[in-house]
Amino acid sequence: MTVGLQNQHLKNSDMASSESLDVRWANDDPNPKSVRRVKRQYEEEYMDAVRSAVNELPPEQKRARLLKMQLYGTHIPPGSAVAPYPGAPVHLLHI
């Protein structure tokens, strides 16, 4: 709709005589401190949601999920070794 059609529509409606319509939209905040604060707030809300979801799991699944999260936190891909197994032949080591 164009602005003219919107104004005409509002003039013909009941709302035009008794109420005002306040339309707003949000822009990103240019303040870097505010941006960091909001980002930190979203991250905290996300981590709270993750914690509550993990805490609701049965004990076996909770332990497995926590170990998986810990493994991803170390940046070690699943299925890889962090050290050679004692006594393993050198030609089998792919570290």
N, C-alpha and C. Protein backbone atom coordinates (compact mmCIF):
# COMPACT_ATOMS: atom_id res chain seq x y z
N MET A 1 0.83 -1.18 0.00
CA MET A 1 0.00 0.00 0.00
C MET A 1 0.88 1.25 0.00
N THR A 2 0.43 2.22 -0.67
CA THR A 2 1.15 3.49 -0.64
C THR A 2 0.68 4.30 0.57
N VAL A 3 1.43 5.33 0.90
CA VAL A 3 1.09 6.15 2.06
C VAL A 3 -0.28 6.80 1.89
N GLY A 4 -0.57 7.24 0.70
CA GLY A 4 -1.87 7.86 0.45
C GLY A 4 -3.03 6.91 0.69
N LEU A 5 -2.89 5.68 0.22
CA LEU A 5 -3.95 4.68 0.43
C LEU A 5 -4.07 4.33 1.91
N GLN A 6 -2.93 4.27 2.61
CA GLN A 6 -2.97 3.97 4.04
C GLN A 6 -3.68 5.09 4.81
N ASN A 7 -3.36 6.34 4.47
CA ASN A 7 -4.01 7.47 5.14
C ASN A 7 -5.51 7.47 4.87
N GLN A 8 -5.89 7.19 3.63
CA GLN A 8 -7.31 7.15 3.28
C GLN A 8 -8.01 6.03 4.05
N HIS A 9 -7.34 4.90 4.15
CA HIS A 9 -7.91 3.77 4.88
C HIS A 9 -8.10 4.13 6.35
N LEU A 10 -7.12 4.81 6.96
CA LEU A 10 -7.23 5.21 8.35
C LEU A 10 -8.33 6.25 8.56
N LYS A 11 -8.49 7.17 7.61
CA LYS A 11 -9.53 8.18 7.74
C LYS A 11 -10.92 7.56 7.69
N ASN A 12 -11.05 6.48 6.92
CA ASN A 12 -12.35 5.82 6.78
C ASN A 12 -12.62 4.82 7.91
N SER A 13 -11.63 4.54 8.72
CA SER A 13 -11.83 3.56 9.79
C SER A 13 -12.30 4.24 11.07
N ASP A 14 -12.83 3.45 11.97
CA ASP A 14 -13.29 3.97 13.25
C ASP A 14 -12.12 4.40 14.13
N MET A 15 -10.96 3.79 13.92
CA MET A 15 -9.80 4.06 14.75
C MET A 15 -9.30 5.50 14.57
N ALA A 16 -9.50 6.07 13.42
CA ALA A 16 -8.97 7.40 13.14
C ALA A 16 -9.55 8.46 14.06
N SER A 17 -10.75 8.28 14.52
CA SER A 17 -11.38 9.30 15.35
C SER A 17 -11.09 9.14 16.83
N SER A 18 -10.84 7.91 17.30
CA SER A 18 -10.73 7.71 18.74
C SER A 18 -9.34 7.31 19.22
N GLU A 19 -8.50 6.77 18.35
CA GLU A 19 -7.20 6.28 18.79
C GLU A 19 -6.12 6.76 17.83
N SER A 20 -4.90 6.73 18.33
CA SER A 20 -3.77 7.02 17.44
C SER A 20 -2.96 5.74 17.27
N LEU A 21 -2.36 5.61 16.13
CA LEU A 21 -1.57 4.44 15.81
C LEU A 21 -0.11 4.84 15.84
N ASP A 22 0.66 4.21 16.70
CA ASP A 22 2.08 4.51 16.84
C ASP A 22 2.86 3.34 16.27
N VAL A 23 3.54 3.54 15.16
CA VAL A 23 4.29 2.49 14.49
C VAL A 23 5.77 2.77 14.68
N ARG A 24 6.49 1.76 15.15
CA ARG A 24 7.93 1.89 15.37
C ARG A 24 8.62 0.65 14.82
N TRP A 25 9.86 0.81 14.49
CA TRP A 25 10.68 -0.34 14.13
C TRP A 25 12.04 -0.15 14.75
N ALA A 26 12.72 -1.25 14.96
CA ALA A 26 14.00 -1.20 15.67
C ALA A 26 15.15 -1.18 14.69
N ASN A 27 16.14 -0.41 15.03
CA ASN A 27 17.41 -0.41 14.31
C ASN A 27 18.47 -0.94 15.26
N ASP A 28 19.56 -1.45 14.71
CA ASP A 28 20.66 -1.90 15.55
C ASP A 28 21.23 -0.72 16.32
N ASP A 29 21.59 -0.98 17.56
CA ASP A 29 22.16 0.06 18.41
C ASP A 29 23.61 0.29 17.98
N PRO A 30 23.99 1.52 17.64
CA PRO A 30 25.35 1.78 17.19
C PRO A 30 26.38 1.79 18.33
N ASN A 31 25.92 1.78 19.58
CA ASN A 31 26.82 1.82 20.72
C ASN A 31 27.49 0.45 20.90
N PRO A 32 28.83 0.35 20.76
CA PRO A 32 29.50 -0.96 20.86
C PRO A 32 29.32 -1.62 22.22
N LYS A 33 29.29 -0.83 23.30
CA LYS A 33 29.10 -1.42 24.63
C LYS A 33 27.72 -2.06 24.73
N SER A 34 26.73 -1.39 24.17
CA SER A 34 25.38 -1.93 24.20
C SER A 34 25.29 -3.20 23.36
N VAL A 35 25.95 -3.22 22.21
CA VAL A 35 25.95 -4.41 21.35
C VAL A 35 26.57 -5.59 22.09
N ARG A 36 27.70 -5.35 22.77
CA ARG A 36 28.35 -6.43 23.52
C ARG A 36 27.47 -6.90 24.69
N ARG A 37 26.80 -5.95 25.34
CA ARG A 37 25.94 -6.29 26.47
C ARG A 37 24.78 -7.17 26.00
N VAL A 38 24.16 -6.81 24.89
CA VAL A 38 23.04 -7.58 24.36
C VAL A 38 23.51 -8.96 23.90
N LYS A 39 24.67 -9.00 23.26
CA LYS A 39 25.21 -10.28 22.81
C LYS A 39 25.49 -11.19 24.00
N ARG A 40 26.09 -10.63 25.05
CA ARG A 40 26.38 -11.40 26.25
C ARG A 40 25.08 -11.89 26.90
N GLN A 41 24.05 -11.05 26.89
CA GLN A 41 22.76 -11.43 27.46
C GLN A 41 22.15 -12.61 26.68
N TYR A 42 22.21 -12.55 25.34
CA TYR A 42 21.68 -13.65 24.53
C TYR A 42 22.46 -14.93 24.77
N GLU A 43 23.79 -14.82 24.90
CA GLU A 43 24.61 -16.00 25.15
C GLU A 43 24.28 -16.62 26.50
N GLU A 44 24.07 -15.78 27.51
CA GLU A 44 23.71 -16.29 28.84
C GLU A 44 22.34 -16.97 28.81
N GLU A 45 21.39 -16.39 28.09
CA GLU A 45 20.07 -17.01 27.98
C GLU A 45 20.16 -18.35 27.26
N TYR A 46 21.01 -18.42 26.23
CA TYR A 46 21.20 -19.68 25.50
C TYR A 46 21.81 -20.74 26.42
N MET A 47 22.85 -20.36 27.17
CA MET A 47 23.49 -21.33 28.05
C MET A 47 22.55 -21.77 29.17
N ASP A 48 21.72 -20.89 29.66
CA ASP A 48 20.73 -21.28 30.67
C ASP A 48 19.75 -22.30 30.10
N ALA A 49 19.34 -22.09 28.86
CA ALA A 49 18.43 -23.04 28.21
C ALA A 49 19.10 -24.39 28.01
N VAL A 50 20.37 -24.38 27.61
CA VAL A 50 21.11 -25.63 27.42
C VAL A 50 21.25 -26.36 28.75
N ARG A 51 21.62 -25.62 29.80
CA ARG A 51 21.77 -26.24 31.13
C ARG A 51 20.46 -26.87 31.60
N SER A 52 19.38 -26.15 31.45
CA SER A 52 18.10 -26.71 31.92
C SER A 52 17.69 -27.93 31.08
N ALA A 53 17.97 -27.90 29.78
CA ALA A 53 17.63 -29.05 28.93
C ALA A 53 18.48 -30.26 29.31
N VAL A 54 19.77 -30.05 29.58
CA VAL A 54 20.65 -31.15 29.96
C VAL A 54 20.26 -31.69 31.34
N ASN A 55 19.91 -30.81 32.25
CA ASN A 55 19.53 -31.26 33.60
C ASN A 55 18.26 -32.08 33.62
N GLU A 56 17.41 -31.94 32.62
CA GLU A 56 16.17 -32.71 32.56
C GLU A 56 16.36 -34.10 31.95
N LEU A 57 17.55 -34.39 31.41
CA LEU A 57 17.81 -35.69 30.79
C LEU A 57 17.99 -36.77 31.86
N PRO A 58 17.73 -38.04 31.50
CA PRO A 58 18.06 -39.15 32.41
C PRO A 58 19.57 -39.17 32.68
N PRO A 59 20.00 -39.72 33.80
CA PRO A 59 21.42 -39.65 34.19
C PRO A 59 22.40 -40.15 33.13
N GLU A 60 22.09 -41.25 32.43
CA GLU A 60 23.02 -41.78 31.43
C GLU A 60 23.15 -40.81 30.25
N GLN A 61 22.02 -40.30 29.79
CA GLN A 61 22.05 -39.36 28.67
C GLN A 61 22.71 -38.04 29.09
N LYS A 62 22.47 -37.63 30.33
CA LYS A 62 23.08 -36.39 30.82
C LYS A 62 24.60 -36.53 30.83
N ARG A 63 25.11 -37.65 31.33
CA ARG A 63 26.56 -37.87 31.38
C ARG A 63 27.14 -37.90 29.97
N ALA A 64 26.48 -38.60 29.06
CA ALA A 64 26.96 -38.67 27.68
C ALA A 64 26.96 -37.29 27.02
N ARG A 65 25.91 -36.50 27.25
CA ARG A 65 25.83 -35.16 26.66
C ARG A 65 26.93 -34.25 27.21
N LEU A 66 27.17 -34.33 28.53
CA LEU A 66 28.21 -33.51 29.13
C LEU A 66 29.60 -33.89 28.61
N LEU A 67 29.86 -35.20 28.47
CA LEU A 67 31.14 -35.64 27.92
C LEU A 67 31.31 -35.18 26.48
N LYS A 68 30.23 -35.24 25.71
CA LYS A 68 30.28 -34.79 24.32
C LYS A 68 30.56 -33.29 24.25
N MET A 69 29.91 -32.51 25.12
CA MET A 69 30.14 -31.07 25.13
C MET A 69 31.59 -30.76 25.55
N GLN A 70 32.09 -31.54 26.50
CA GLN A 70 33.47 -31.35 26.94
C GLN A 70 34.44 -31.69 25.81
N LEU A 71 34.16 -32.75 25.06
CA LEU A 71 35.01 -33.12 23.94
C LEU A 71 35.01 -32.04 22.87
N TYR A 72 33.83 -31.48 22.55
CA TYR A 72 33.76 -30.42 21.56
C TYR A 72 34.47 -29.16 22.05
N GLY A 73 34.49 -28.95 23.35
CA GLY A 73 35.18 -27.79 23.91
C GLY A 73 36.68 -27.88 23.79
N THR A 74 37.22 -29.10 23.66
CA THR A 74 38.67 -29.28 23.53
C THR A 74 39.12 -29.22 22.07
N HIS A 75 38.18 -29.15 21.15
CA HIS A 75 38.47 -29.10 19.71
C HIS A 75 39.18 -30.36 19.22
N ILE A 76 38.92 -31.48 19.86
CA ILE A 76 39.47 -32.77 19.41
C ILE A 76 38.36 -33.48 18.67
N PRO A 77 38.56 -33.78 17.39
CA PRO A 77 37.48 -34.44 16.64
C PRO A 77 37.19 -35.83 17.19
N PRO A 78 35.92 -36.22 17.22
CA PRO A 78 35.56 -37.56 17.70
C PRO A 78 36.27 -38.64 16.89
N GLY A 79 36.72 -39.68 17.57
CA GLY A 79 37.38 -40.79 16.91
C GLY A 79 38.88 -40.61 16.76
N SER A 80 39.43 -39.48 17.21
CA SER A 80 40.88 -39.28 17.11
C SER A 80 41.51 -39.49 18.48
N ALA A 81 42.79 -39.77 18.47
CA ALA A 81 43.51 -40.02 19.71
C ALA A 81 44.26 -38.77 20.14
N VAL A 82 44.36 -38.58 21.44
CA VAL A 82 45.12 -37.45 21.94
C VAL A 82 46.53 -37.86 22.32
N ALA A 83 46.75 -39.16 22.48
CA ALA A 83 48.08 -39.70 22.80
C ALA A 83 48.13 -41.14 22.33
N PRO A 84 49.32 -41.64 22.06
CA PRO A 84 49.42 -43.04 21.63
C PRO A 84 49.05 -43.99 22.77
N TYR A 85 48.44 -45.09 22.39
CA TYR A 85 48.09 -46.11 23.36
C TYR A 85 49.38 -46.82 23.77
N PRO A 86 49.57 -47.04 25.07
CA PRO A 86 50.83 -47.69 25.51
C PRO A 86 50.99 -49.06 24.86
N GLY A 87 52.14 -49.28 24.28
CA GLY A 87 52.46 -50.56 23.68
C GLY A 87 51.95 -50.73 22.26
N ALA A 88 51.32 -49.71 21.67
CA ALA A 88 50.82 -49.83 20.30
C ALA A 88 51.98 -49.74 19.31
N PRO A 89 51.94 -50.55 18.25
CA PRO A 89 53.00 -50.47 17.23
C PRO A 89 53.03 -49.08 16.58
N VAL A 90 54.19 -48.57 16.30
CA VAL A 90 54.37 -47.22 15.78
C VAL A 90 53.68 -47.07 14.43
N HIS A 91 53.68 -48.09 13.57
CA HIS A 91 53.09 -47.97 12.24
C HIS A 91 51.54 -47.85 12.30
N LEU A 92 50.92 -48.15 13.43
CA LEU A 92 49.47 -48.02 13.56
C LEU A 92 49.04 -46.66 14.11
N LEU A 93 50.00 -45.86 14.54
CA LEU A 93 49.66 -44.57 15.13
C LEU A 93 49.42 -43.53 14.03
N HIS A 94 48.29 -42.85 14.07
CA HIS A 94 47.95 -41.81 13.10
C HIS A 94 47.64 -40.52 13.86
N ILE A 95 48.56 -40.07 14.61
CA ILE A 95 48.31 -38.85 15.41
C ILE A 95 48.79 -37.63 14.65
